[in-house]
Amino acid sequence: MGKKKWWKRLVVPAILICVLTAVIIGAALEMKKEAVTEADTGWRLYCVNNTETAVVSESFSVEGDETEEIIKELLIGLSEEPDTFGNMRALPDTVSMKDWSLEGNQLTLNFDANYTSLTGISEILRRTAVVKTLCQAEGVEYVAFTVGGQPLMDSNAQPIGLMASSDFIDNTGGETNYTQTVTVTLFFTGEDGKTLKQSRHQIEFDGAISLEELVIQQLTAGPLPEEEGLYPTLPANTRLIKISKKDGICYVDLNAAFLEKLPDISDEVAVYSVVNSLVEISGINRVQFTIEGEAQKTYRETLAFDGMFERNLDLVESIN
């Protein structure tokens, strides 16, 4: 009798251990299976990296089966904070979508007027993220953007039109193969060097840089060869260090070469060629300069330079 009790004392705990082990292993396998299933959904949610230089993506779970259900889920995901810390959602909270419609293979998204506050590379990257995300839904081949029911226009006042996922590249580092022709308004000078003359340059633009940076590049390059009677206002070795805009103010940091004087070019013409050109960009009302990160009290010791500059039309002479 004593031997049987001793045997039971060993066997029963051993059975319990085996059962518990089997339960734990089974649960672990199930969790692993669920994790693999979630990781292998194939759905991606596109967003913008924290430096606003590239479109990146995260794994995303979709529960719906019908196209319209999937679109709704994807739109919700686009307006929520990304899982990866620092990444920015494609649809900021300042922009609201009024409605959307699906006709055939074309999905039309109708935004409120606040969408026009998105400009330059920031707008193009966010538009890229939206299009690539939504084109994953079966049957959605093209996406169109409208603002208040009207087609979204480029900076040349032309409709953006239909966009497909193939128009954009993943992990672009700010570059896309979706280009548009933009027209920038620039101010150079005439032969006297005391007045500004307006010029319009049409440029193939892919959004790799902001419109503000594009304007400075064009000013530095000078007038086009065919623009007779126009002369550069900036030294050729002028370089843009940093440019940004906030609350209607464009902050421009240039290298010290900007302080060099071109022969027969007045100081006002040099400064306001930059100011007037930048203020032509929607959303910019004033310009503030720094030179290599430092504020300068005067420009070439003749012009107060540490305040805000607004458009100066007194210097402008129209080109016929």
C-alpha atoms as a PDB file:
ATOM      1  CA  MET A   1       0.000   0.000   0.000  1.00  0.00           C
ATOM      2  CA  GLY A   2       2.864   2.357   0.805  1.00  0.00           C
ATOM      3  CA  LYS A   3       4.449   1.718  -2.610  1.00  0.00           C
ATOM      4  CA  LYS A   4       1.183   2.678  -4.438  1.00  0.00           C
ATOM      5  CA  LYS A   5       0.935   5.982  -2.561  1.00  0.00           C
ATOM      6  CA  TRP A   6       4.562   6.723  -3.392  1.00  0.00           C
ATOM      7  CA  TRP A   7       3.923   5.980  -7.081  1.00  0.00           C
ATOM      8  CA  LYS A   8       0.850   8.247  -7.158  1.00  0.00           C
ATOM      9  CA  ARG A   9       2.800  11.054  -5.553  1.00  0.00           C
ATOM     10  CA  LEU A  10       5.198  10.990  -8.540  1.00  0.00           C
ATOM     11  CA  VAL A  11       2.828  10.259 -11.435  1.00  0.00           C
ATOM     12  CA  VAL A  12       0.091  12.807 -10.693  1.00  0.00           C
ATOM     13  CA  PRO A  13       2.407  15.848 -10.567  1.00  0.00           C
ATOM     14  CA  ALA A  14       4.170  14.592 -13.681  1.00  0.00           C
ATOM     15  CA  ILE A  15       0.859  14.421 -15.555  1.00  0.00           C
ATOM     16  CA  LEU A  16      -0.051  17.926 -14.391  1.00  0.00           C
ATOM     17  CA  ILE A  17       3.322  19.260 -15.550  1.00  0.00           C
ATOM     18  CA  CYS A  18       2.859  17.649 -18.981  1.00  0.00           C
ATOM     19  CA  VAL A  19      -0.628  19.123 -19.326  1.00  0.00           C
ATOM     20  CA  LEU A  20       0.520  22.599 -18.320  1.00  0.00           C
ATOM     21  CA  THR A  21       3.488  22.384 -20.684  1.00  0.00           C
ATOM     22  CA  ALA A  22       1.212  21.382 -23.549  1.00  0.00           C
ATOM     23  CA  VAL A  23      -1.115  24.289 -22.782  1.00  0.00           C
ATOM     24  CA  ILE A  24       1.756  26.777 -22.673  1.00  0.00           C
ATOM     25  CA  ILE A  25       3.278  25.469 -25.909  1.00  0.00           C
ATOM     26  CA  GLY A  26      -0.106  25.540 -27.612  1.00  0.00           C
ATOM     27  CA  ALA A  27      -0.739  29.098 -26.506  1.00  0.00           C
ATOM     28  CA  ALA A  28       2.707  30.173 -27.669  1.00  0.00           C
ATOM     29  CA  LEU A  29       2.185  28.573 -31.068  1.00  0.00           C
ATOM     30  CA  GLU A  30      -1.190  30.293 -31.404  1.00  0.00           C
ATOM     31  CA  MET A  31       0.316  33.675 -30.504  1.00  0.00           C
ATOM     32  CA  LYS A  32       3.099  33.115 -33.024  1.00  0.00           C
ATOM     33  CA  LYS A  33       0.532  32.140 -35.643  1.00  0.00           C
ATOM     34  CA  GLU A  34      -1.485  35.316 -34.951  1.00  0.00           C
ATOM     35  CA  ALA A  35       1.652  37.465 -35.088  1.00  0.00           C
ATOM     36  CA  VAL A  36       2.689  35.974 -38.417  1.00  0.00           C
ATOM     37  CA  THR A  37      -0.820  36.412 -39.784  1.00  0.00           C
ATOM     38  CA  GLU A  38      -0.859  40.083 -38.755  1.00  0.00           C
ATOM     39  CA  ALA A  39       2.603  40.734 -40.170  1.00  0.00           C
ATOM     40  CA  ASP A  40       1.725  39.029 -43.449  1.00  0.00           C
ATOM     41  CA  THR A  41      -1.499  40.916 -44.141  1.00  0.00           C
ATOM     42  CA  GLY A  42       0.194  42.709 -47.025  1.00  0.00           C
ATOM     43  CA  TRP A  43      -1.562  45.994 -46.237  1.00  0.00           C
ATOM     44  CA  ARG A  44       0.604  49.073 -45.871  1.00  0.00           C
ATOM     45  CA  LEU A  45      -0.284  52.448 -44.397  1.00  0.00           C
ATOM     46  CA  TYR A  46       1.824  55.229 -45.906  1.00  0.00           C
ATOM     47  CA  CYS A  47       2.894  58.274 -43.913  1.00  0.00           C
ATOM     48  CA  VAL A  48       5.637  60.942 -43.862  1.00  0.00           C
ATOM     49  CA  ASN A  49       8.910  60.646 -41.968  1.00  0.00           C
ATOM     50  CA  ASN A  50       9.776  63.067 -39.173  1.00  0.00           C
ATOM     51  CA  THR A  51      11.978  65.278 -41.364  1.00  0.00           C
ATOM     52  CA  GLU A  52       9.388  65.546 -44.135  1.00  0.00           C
ATOM     53  CA  THR A  53      11.818  64.237 -46.720  1.00  0.00           C
ATOM     54  CA  ALA A  54      10.324  60.847 -47.591  1.00  0.00           C
ATOM     55  CA  VAL A  55       7.223  58.711 -47.677  1.00  0.00           C
ATOM     56  CA  VAL A  56       7.469  55.635 -45.452  1.00  0.00           C
ATOM     57  CA  SER A  57       5.033  52.846 -44.647  1.00  0.00           C
ATOM     58  CA  GLU A  58       3.871  50.677 -41.774  1.00  0.00           C
ATOM     59  CA  SER A  59       2.039  47.367 -41.571  1.00  0.00           C
ATOM     60  CA  PHE A  60      -1.715  47.868 -41.321  1.00  0.00           C
ATOM     61  CA  SER A  61      -4.604  45.551 -40.495  1.00  0.00           C
ATOM     62  CA  VAL A  62      -7.778  45.663 -42.577  1.00  0.00           C
ATOM     63  CA  GLU A  63     -10.895  43.789 -41.480  1.00  0.00           C
ATOM     64  CA  GLY A  64     -13.363  44.663 -44.251  1.00  0.00           C
ATOM     65  CA  ASP A  65     -13.911  42.617 -47.398  1.00  0.00           C
ATOM     66  CA  GLU A  66     -15.827  45.027 -49.601  1.00  0.00           C
ATOM     67  CA  THR A  67     -13.950  47.830 -51.396  1.00  0.00           C
ATOM     68  CA  GLU A  68     -15.910  50.637 -49.747  1.00  0.00           C
ATOM     69  CA  GLU A  69     -15.379  49.145 -46.295  1.00  0.00           C
ATOM     70  CA  ILE A  70     -11.647  48.905 -46.979  1.00  0.00           C
ATOM     71  CA  ILE A  71     -11.514  52.515 -48.188  1.00  0.00           C
ATOM     72  CA  LYS A  72     -13.183  53.676 -44.960  1.00  0.00           C
ATOM     73  CA  GLU A  73     -10.658  51.773 -42.843  1.00  0.00           C
ATOM     74  CA  LEU A  74      -7.720  53.114 -44.836  1.00  0.00           C
ATOM     75  CA  LEU A  75      -8.990  56.692 -44.569  1.00  0.00           C
ATOM     76  CA  ILE A  76      -9.296  56.316 -40.804  1.00  0.00           C
ATOM     77  CA  GLY A  77      -5.731  54.999 -40.677  1.00  0.00           C
ATOM     78  CA  LEU A  78      -4.447  57.924 -42.757  1.00  0.00           C
ATOM     79  CA  SER A  79      -5.870  60.400 -40.251  1.00  0.00           C
ATOM     80  CA  GLU A  80      -4.494  58.633 -37.158  1.00  0.00           C
ATOM     81  CA  GLU A  81      -1.038  58.948 -35.633  1.00  0.00           C
ATOM     82  CA  PRO A  82       1.396  56.357 -37.082  1.00  0.00           C
ATOM     83  CA  ASP A  83       2.669  53.547 -34.862  1.00  0.00           C
ATOM     84  CA  THR A  84       6.299  54.549 -35.421  1.00  0.00           C
ATOM     85  CA  PHE A  85       7.223  57.420 -33.128  1.00  0.00           C
ATOM     86  CA  GLY A  86       8.091  60.568 -35.049  1.00  0.00           C
ATOM     87  CA  ASN A  87       6.361  59.653 -38.296  1.00  0.00           C
ATOM     88  CA  MET A  88       3.632  62.058 -39.359  1.00  0.00           C
ATOM     89  CA  ARG A  89       0.206  61.066 -40.579  1.00  0.00           C
ATOM     90  CA  ALA A  90      -0.723  61.763 -44.168  1.00  0.00           C
ATOM     91  CA  LEU A  91      -3.839  63.761 -43.290  1.00  0.00           C
ATOM     92  CA  PRO A  92      -3.079  66.372 -40.595  1.00  0.00           C
ATOM     93  CA  ASP A  93      -5.814  67.451 -38.211  1.00  0.00           C
ATOM     94  CA  THR A  94      -5.894  70.888 -39.856  1.00  0.00           C
ATOM     95  CA  VAL A  95      -7.354  69.323 -42.999  1.00  0.00           C
ATOM     96  CA  SER A  96     -10.822  67.793 -43.104  1.00  0.00           C
ATOM     97  CA  MET A  97     -12.296  65.503 -45.729  1.00  0.00           C
ATOM     98  CA  LYS A  98     -15.829  66.578 -46.552  1.00  0.00           C
ATOM     99  CA  ASP A  99     -16.762  63.445 -48.503  1.00  0.00           C
ATOM    100  CA  TRP A 100     -15.530  60.902 -51.001  1.00  0.00           C
ATOM    101  CA  SER A 101     -16.984  58.915 -53.882  1.00  0.00           C
ATOM    102  CA  LEU A 102     -16.023  55.863 -55.907  1.00  0.00           C
ATOM    103  CA  GLU A 103     -17.044  55.680 -59.537  1.00  0.00           C
ATOM    104  CA  GLY A 104     -15.654  52.771 -61.493  1.00  0.00           C
ATOM    105  CA  ASN A 105     -11.915  52.639 -60.811  1.00  0.00           C
ATOM    106  CA  GLN A 106     -11.688  56.309 -59.766  1.00  0.00           C
ATOM    107  CA  LEU A 107     -11.792  57.406 -56.141  1.00  0.00           C
ATOM    108  CA  THR A 108     -12.438  61.119 -55.589  1.00  0.00           C
ATOM    109  CA  LEU A 109     -11.531  62.716 -52.255  1.00  0.00           C
ATOM    110  CA  ASN A 110     -13.132  66.078 -51.489  1.00  0.00           C
ATOM    111  CA  PHE A 111     -11.244  68.188 -48.907  1.00  0.00           C
ATOM    112  CA  ASP A 112     -12.143  71.456 -47.224  1.00  0.00           C
ATOM    113  CA  ALA A 113     -10.400  74.750 -48.068  1.00  0.00           C
ATOM    114  CA  ASN A 114      -7.724  74.126 -45.418  1.00  0.00           C
ATOM    115  CA  TYR A 115      -6.045  71.682 -47.792  1.00  0.00           C
ATOM    116  CA  THR A 116      -4.567  74.646 -49.677  1.00  0.00           C
ATOM    117  CA  SER A 117      -2.459  75.421 -46.581  1.00  0.00           C
ATOM    118  CA  LEU A 118      -0.346  72.382 -47.523  1.00  0.00           C
ATOM    119  CA  THR A 119       2.312  73.447 -50.015  1.00  0.00           C
ATOM    120  CA  GLY A 120       5.598  72.387 -51.573  1.00  0.00           C
ATOM    121  CA  ILE A 121       7.234  69.103 -50.639  1.00  0.00           C
ATOM    122  CA  SER A 122       5.001  68.706 -47.581  1.00  0.00           C
ATOM    123  CA  GLU A 123       1.875  68.628 -49.739  1.00  0.00           C
ATOM    124  CA  ILE A 124       3.345  66.332 -52.377  1.00  0.00           C
ATOM    125  CA  LEU A 125       4.613  63.816 -49.823  1.00  0.00           C
ATOM    126  CA  ARG A 126       1.227  63.703 -48.094  1.00  0.00           C
ATOM    127  CA  ARG A 127      -0.590  63.352 -51.391  1.00  0.00           C
ATOM    128  CA  THR A 128       1.785  60.530 -52.301  1.00  0.00           C
ATOM    129  CA  ALA A 129       1.028  58.727 -49.018  1.00  0.00           C
ATOM    130  CA  VAL A 130      -2.740  59.038 -49.534  1.00  0.00           C
ATOM    131  CA  VAL A 131      -2.686  57.801 -53.131  1.00  0.00           C
ATOM    132  CA  LYS A 132      -0.397  54.839 -52.455  1.00  0.00           C
ATOM    133  CA  THR A 133      -2.443  53.790 -49.436  1.00  0.00           C
ATOM    134  CA  LEU A 134      -5.844  53.946 -51.120  1.00  0.00           C
ATOM    135  CA  CYS A 135      -4.770  52.352 -54.404  1.00  0.00           C
ATOM    136  CA  GLN A 136      -4.247  49.114 -52.471  1.00  0.00           C
ATOM    137  CA  ALA A 137      -8.029  48.666 -52.327  1.00  0.00           C
ATOM    138  CA  GLU A 138      -9.167  46.331 -55.072  1.00  0.00           C
ATOM    139  CA  GLY A 139     -10.755  48.253 -57.925  1.00  0.00           C
ATOM    140  CA  VAL A 140      -9.168  51.604 -57.019  1.00  0.00           C
ATOM    141  CA  GLU A 141      -6.721  52.456 -59.779  1.00  0.00           C
ATOM    142  CA  TYR A 142      -6.871  56.238 -59.698  1.00  0.00           C
ATOM    143  CA  VAL A 143      -7.343  58.884 -57.026  1.00  0.00           C
ATOM    144  CA  ALA A 144      -8.460  62.462 -57.650  1.00  0.00           C
ATOM    145  CA  PHE A 145      -8.263  65.325 -55.160  1.00  0.00           C
ATOM    146  CA  THR A 146     -10.818  68.114 -55.025  1.00  0.00           C
ATOM    147  CA  VAL A 147     -11.029  71.107 -52.685  1.00  0.00           C
ATOM    148  CA  GLY A 148     -14.530  72.312 -51.967  1.00  0.00           C
ATOM    149  CA  GLY A 149     -15.751  70.299 -54.929  1.00  0.00           C
ATOM    150  CA  GLN A 150     -13.255  71.868 -57.348  1.00  0.00           C
ATOM    151  CA  PRO A 151     -10.206  70.037 -58.796  1.00  0.00           C
ATOM    152  CA  LEU A 152      -6.969  70.488 -56.880  1.00  0.00           C
ATOM    153  CA  MET A 153      -4.764  72.875 -58.868  1.00  0.00           C
ATOM    154  CA  ASP A 154      -0.997  72.984 -59.178  1.00  0.00           C
ATOM    155  CA  SER A 155       0.967  76.203 -58.746  1.00  0.00           C
ATOM    156  CA  ASN A 156       0.492  76.864 -62.469  1.00  0.00           C
ATOM    157  CA  ALA A 157      -3.291  76.944 -61.939  1.00  0.00           C
ATOM    158  CA  GLN A 158      -3.703  73.646 -63.800  1.00  0.00           C
ATOM    159  CA  PRO A 159      -5.703  70.667 -62.451  1.00  0.00           C
ATOM    160  CA  ILE A 160      -3.564  67.961 -60.855  1.00  0.00           C
ATOM    161  CA  GLY A 161      -5.823  65.315 -62.399  1.00  0.00           C
ATOM    162  CA  LEU A 162      -5.968  61.577 -61.747  1.00  0.00           C
ATOM    163  CA  MET A 163      -3.103  59.965 -59.851  1.00  0.00           C
ATOM    164  CA  ALA A 164      -2.124  56.293 -59.760  1.00  0.00           C
ATOM    165  CA  SER A 165       0.088  54.501 -57.266  1.00  0.00           C
ATOM    166  CA  SER A 166       2.648  53.946 -60.015  1.00  0.00           C
ATOM    167  CA  ASP A 167       3.058  57.723 -60.329  1.00  0.00           C
ATOM    168  CA  PHE A 168       4.983  57.689 -57.079  1.00  0.00           C
ATOM    169  CA  ILE A 169       8.013  55.820 -55.730  1.00  0.00           C
ATOM    170  CA  ASP A 170       8.355  54.202 -52.292  1.00  0.00           C
ATOM    171  CA  ASN A 171      10.934  55.597 -49.860  1.00  0.00           C
ATOM    172  CA  THR A 172      11.718  58.419 -52.219  1.00  0.00           C
ATOM    173  CA  GLY A 173      13.834  60.584 -49.955  1.00  0.00           C
ATOM    174  CA  GLY A 174      11.614  63.417 -51.071  1.00  0.00           C
ATOM    175  CA  GLU A 175      11.688  62.587 -54.769  1.00  0.00           C
ATOM    176  CA  THR A 176       8.800  61.265 -56.823  1.00  0.00           C
ATOM    177  CA  ASN A 177       8.411  60.523 -60.499  1.00  0.00           C
ATOM    178  CA  TYR A 178       5.210  62.524 -60.478  1.00  0.00           C
ATOM    179  CA  THR A 179       6.135  65.909 -61.922  1.00  0.00           C
ATOM    180  CA  GLN A 180       4.243  69.049 -62.727  1.00  0.00           C
ATOM    181  CA  THR A 181       5.129  72.226 -64.533  1.00  0.00           C
ATOM    182  CA  VAL A 182       5.175  75.165 -62.148  1.00  0.00           C
ATOM    183  CA  THR A 183       5.489  78.839 -62.925  1.00  0.00           C
ATOM    184  CA  VAL A 184       7.454  80.941 -60.465  1.00  0.00           C
ATOM    185  CA  THR A 185       7.498  84.730 -60.499  1.00  0.00           C
ATOM    186  CA  LEU A 186      10.977  86.197 -60.162  1.00  0.00           C
ATOM    187  CA  PHE A 187      12.332  89.718 -59.942  1.00  0.00           C
ATOM    188  CA  PHE A 188      15.577  90.624 -61.661  1.00  0.00           C
ATOM    189  CA  THR A 189      16.865  94.090 -62.507  1.00  0.00           C
ATOM    190  CA  GLY A 190      17.277  96.226 -65.600  1.00  0.00           C
ATOM    191  CA  GLU A 191      20.369  97.849 -67.000  1.00  0.00           C
ATOM    192  CA  ASP A 192      20.220 100.691 -64.484  1.00  0.00           C
ATOM    193  CA  GLY A 193      20.365  98.309 -61.481  1.00  0.00           C
ATOM    194  CA  LYS A 194      17.873 100.478 -59.595  1.00  0.00           C
ATOM    195  CA  THR A 195      14.549  98.877 -60.515  1.00  0.00           C
ATOM    196  CA  LEU A 196      13.066  95.405 -60.459  1.00  0.00           C
ATOM    197  CA  LYS A 197      11.582  93.710 -63.496  1.00  0.00           C
ATOM    198  CA  GLN A 198       9.204  90.784 -63.243  1.00  0.00           C
ATOM    199  CA  SER A 199       9.861  87.511 -65.031  1.00  0.00           C
ATOM    200  CA  ARG A 200       8.040  84.186 -65.087  1.00  0.00           C
ATOM    201  CA  HIS A 201       9.935  80.918 -65.332  1.00  0.00           C
ATOM    202  CA  GLN A 202       8.206  77.621 -66.150  1.00  0.00           C
ATOM    203  CA  ILE A 203       9.999  74.743 -64.475  1.00  0.00           C
ATOM    204  CA  GLU A 204       9.452  70.975 -64.406  1.00  0.00           C
ATOM    205  CA  PHE A 205       9.003  70.368 -60.695  1.00  0.00           C
ATOM    206  CA  ASP A 206       8.930  67.037 -58.826  1.00  0.00           C
ATOM    207  CA  GLY A 207       8.590  68.357 -55.284  1.00  0.00           C
ATOM    208  CA  ALA A 208      12.058  67.231 -54.215  1.00  0.00           C
ATOM    209  CA  ILE A 209      12.568  70.733 -52.828  1.00  0.00           C
ATOM    210  CA  SER A 210      10.152  73.395 -51.637  1.00  0.00           C
ATOM    211  CA  LEU A 211       8.925  76.168 -53.925  1.00  0.00           C
ATOM    212  CA  GLU A 212      10.760  78.636 -51.691  1.00  0.00           C
ATOM    213  CA  GLU A 213      14.058  76.860 -52.316  1.00  0.00           C
ATOM    214  CA  LEU A 214      13.255  76.628 -56.012  1.00  0.00           C
ATOM    215  CA  VAL A 215      12.767  80.413 -56.166  1.00  0.00           C
ATOM    216  CA  ILE A 216      16.150  81.082 -54.520  1.00  0.00           C
ATOM    217  CA  GLN A 217      17.831  78.664 -56.934  1.00  0.00           C
ATOM    218  CA  GLN A 218      16.312  80.426 -59.928  1.00  0.00           C
ATOM    219  CA  LEU A 219      17.276  83.866 -58.614  1.00  0.00           C
ATOM    220  CA  THR A 220      20.857  82.735 -58.073  1.00  0.00           C
ATOM    221  CA  ALA A 221      21.011  81.252 -61.573  1.00  0.00           C
ATOM    222  CA  GLY A 222      19.919  84.605 -63.012  1.00  0.00           C
ATOM    223  CA  PRO A 223      17.725  85.434 -66.002  1.00  0.00           C
ATOM    224  CA  LEU A 224      17.316  82.994 -68.872  1.00  0.00           C
ATOM    225  CA  PRO A 225      19.509  83.577 -71.959  1.00  0.00           C
ATOM    226  CA  GLU A 226      16.517  84.701 -73.987  1.00  0.00           C
ATOM    227  CA  GLU A 227      15.490  87.297 -71.381  1.00  0.00           C
ATOM    228  CA  GLU A 228      17.220  90.293 -72.903  1.00  0.00           C
ATOM    229  CA  GLY A 229      17.350  93.391 -70.777  1.00  0.00           C
ATOM    230  CA  LEU A 230      17.281  91.474 -67.502  1.00  0.00           C
ATOM    231  CA  TYR A 231      20.297  91.193 -65.206  1.00  0.00           C
ATOM    232  CA  PRO A 232      21.084  89.136 -62.076  1.00  0.00           C
ATOM    233  CA  THR A 233      20.552  90.663 -58.651  1.00  0.00           C
ATOM    234  CA  LEU A 234      22.501  88.152 -56.537  1.00  0.00           C
ATOM    235  CA  PRO A 235      26.177  87.207 -56.607  1.00  0.00           C
ATOM    236  CA  ALA A 236      26.605  83.899 -58.465  1.00  0.00           C
ATOM    237  CA  ASN A 237      28.179  82.271 -55.399  1.00  0.00           C
ATOM    238  CA  THR A 238      25.171  83.037 -53.177  1.00  0.00           C
ATOM    239  CA  ARG A 239      24.007  79.821 -51.533  1.00  0.00           C
ATOM    240  CA  LEU A 240      20.893  78.994 -49.572  1.00  0.00           C
ATOM    241  CA  ILE A 241      21.694  77.392 -46.221  1.00  0.00           C
ATOM    242  CA  LYS A 242      18.174  76.970 -44.873  1.00  0.00           C
ATOM    243  CA  ILE A 243      14.680  78.141 -45.677  1.00  0.00           C
ATOM    244  CA  SER A 244      11.353  77.611 -43.922  1.00  0.00           C
ATOM    245  CA  LYS A 245       8.017  79.286 -43.495  1.00  0.00           C
ATOM    246  CA  LYS A 246       5.562  79.626 -40.641  1.00  0.00           C
ATOM    247  CA  ASP A 247       2.548  81.834 -40.019  1.00  0.00           C
ATOM    248  CA  GLY A 248       3.052  83.707 -43.268  1.00  0.00           C
ATOM    249  CA  ILE A 249       6.735  84.444 -42.640  1.00  0.00           C
ATOM    250  CA  CYS A 250       9.515  82.974 -44.786  1.00  0.00           C
ATOM    251  CA  TYR A 251      12.813  82.590 -42.928  1.00  0.00           C
ATOM    252  CA  VAL A 252      15.803  82.702 -45.283  1.00  0.00           C
ATOM    253  CA  ASP A 253      19.358  81.891 -44.225  1.00  0.00           C
ATOM    254  CA  LEU A 254      21.974  82.673 -46.886  1.00  0.00           C
ATOM    255  CA  ASN A 255      25.743  82.439 -46.962  1.00  0.00           C
ATOM    256  CA  ALA A 256      27.943  85.523 -46.605  1.00  0.00           C
ATOM    257  CA  ALA A 257      28.274  85.828 -50.371  1.00  0.00           C
ATOM    258  CA  PHE A 258      24.853  87.490 -50.397  1.00  0.00           C
ATOM    259  CA  LEU A 259      26.492  90.507 -48.725  1.00  0.00           C
ATOM    260  CA  GLU A 260      28.896  91.000 -51.641  1.00  0.00           C
ATOM    261  CA  LYS A 261      27.946  93.877 -53.896  1.00  0.00           C
ATOM    262  CA  LEU A 262      27.366  93.417 -57.586  1.00  0.00           C
ATOM    263  CA  PRO A 263      28.530  96.371 -59.679  1.00  0.00           C
ATOM    264  CA  ASP A 264      25.773  98.910 -60.366  1.00  0.00           C
ATOM    265  CA  ILE A 265      23.132  96.985 -58.367  1.00  0.00           C
ATOM    266  CA  SER A 266      21.494  98.950 -55.545  1.00  0.00           C
ATOM    267  CA  ASP A 267      21.176  97.340 -52.126  1.00  0.00           C
ATOM    268  CA  GLU A 268      17.376  97.699 -52.212  1.00  0.00           C
ATOM    269  CA  VAL A 269      17.193  95.883 -55.543  1.00  0.00           C
ATOM    270  CA  ALA A 270      19.316  92.971 -54.250  1.00  0.00           C
ATOM    271  CA  VAL A 271      17.205  92.506 -51.113  1.00  0.00           C
ATOM    272  CA  TYR A 272      13.783  93.071 -52.620  1.00  0.00           C
ATOM    273  CA  SER A 273      14.470  90.822 -55.592  1.00  0.00           C
ATOM    274  CA  VAL A 274      14.422  88.010 -53.016  1.00  0.00           C
ATOM    275  CA  VAL A 275      11.563  89.421 -50.951  1.00  0.00           C
ATOM    276  CA  ASN A 276       9.223  90.171 -53.861  1.00  0.00           C
ATOM    277  CA  SER A 277       9.915  86.788 -55.468  1.00  0.00           C
ATOM    278  CA  LEU A 278       9.187  84.843 -52.277  1.00  0.00           C
ATOM    279  CA  VAL A 279       6.050  86.820 -51.432  1.00  0.00           C
ATOM    280  CA  GLU A 280       4.621  85.705 -54.790  1.00  0.00           C
ATOM    281  CA  ILE A 281       4.318  82.212 -53.260  1.00  0.00           C
ATOM    282  CA  SER A 282       0.935  81.555 -51.711  1.00  0.00           C
ATOM    283  CA  GLY A 283       1.003  81.744 -47.907  1.00  0.00           C
ATOM    284  CA  ILE A 284       4.056  84.030 -47.654  1.00  0.00           C
ATOM    285  CA  ASN A 285       3.524  87.668 -46.635  1.00  0.00           C
ATOM    286  CA  ARG A 286       6.853  88.645 -45.109  1.00  0.00           C
ATOM    287  CA  VAL A 287      10.517  87.602 -45.257  1.00  0.00           C
ATOM    288  CA  GLN A 288      13.178  87.575 -42.555  1.00  0.00           C
ATOM    289  CA  PHE A 289      16.875  87.130 -43.369  1.00  0.00           C
ATOM    290  CA  THR A 290      19.837  85.686 -41.520  1.00  0.00           C
ATOM    291  CA  ILE A 291      23.375  85.266 -42.794  1.00  0.00           C
ATOM    292  CA  GLU A 292      24.952  81.926 -41.933  1.00  0.00           C
ATOM    293  CA  GLY A 293      22.596  81.601 -38.983  1.00  0.00           C
ATOM    294  CA  GLU A 294      23.198  85.072 -37.564  1.00  0.00           C
ATOM    295  CA  ALA A 295      20.968  88.152 -37.707  1.00  0.00           C
ATOM    296  CA  GLN A 296      22.600  91.183 -39.322  1.00  0.00           C
ATOM    297  CA  LYS A 297      21.670  94.706 -38.237  1.00  0.00           C
ATOM    298  CA  THR A 298      22.399  96.214 -41.648  1.00  0.00           C
ATOM    299  CA  TYR A 299      22.797  95.017 -45.216  1.00  0.00           C
ATOM    300  CA  ARG A 300      26.113  96.345 -46.622  1.00  0.00           C
ATOM    301  CA  GLU A 301      25.898  99.025 -43.911  1.00  0.00           C
ATOM    302  CA  THR A 302      23.190 100.910 -45.797  1.00  0.00           C
ATOM    303  CA  LEU A 303      19.894  99.070 -45.271  1.00  0.00           C
ATOM    304  CA  ALA A 304      18.291  97.928 -42.001  1.00  0.00           C
ATOM    305  CA  PHE A 305      18.355  94.148 -42.227  1.00  0.00           C
ATOM    306  CA  ASP A 306      17.226  92.683 -38.905  1.00  0.00           C
ATOM    307  CA  GLY A 307      13.469  93.146 -39.313  1.00  0.00           C
ATOM    308  CA  MET A 308      10.682  91.759 -41.462  1.00  0.00           C
ATOM    309  CA  PHE A 309      10.499  92.656 -45.141  1.00  0.00           C
ATOM    310  CA  GLU A 310       7.227  93.033 -47.024  1.00  0.00           C
ATOM    311  CA  ARG A 311       6.581  93.310 -50.749  1.00  0.00           C
ATOM    312  CA  ASN A 312       7.931  96.533 -52.290  1.00  0.00           C
ATOM    313  CA  LEU A 313       6.148  97.464 -55.500  1.00  0.00           C
ATOM    314  CA  ASP A 314       7.743 100.913 -55.712  1.00  0.00           C
ATOM    315  CA  LEU A 315      10.855  99.329 -57.191  1.00  0.00           C
ATOM    316  CA  VAL A 316       9.003  97.241 -59.777  1.00  0.00           C
ATOM    317  CA  GLU A 317       8.963  98.162 -63.436  1.00  0.00           C
ATOM    318  CA  SER A 318       6.679  95.937 -65.474  1.00  0.00           C
ATOM    319  CA  ILE A 319       7.979  94.131 -68.530  1.00  0.00           C
ATOM    320  CA  ASN A 320       5.947  94.782 -71.662  1.00  0.00           C
END
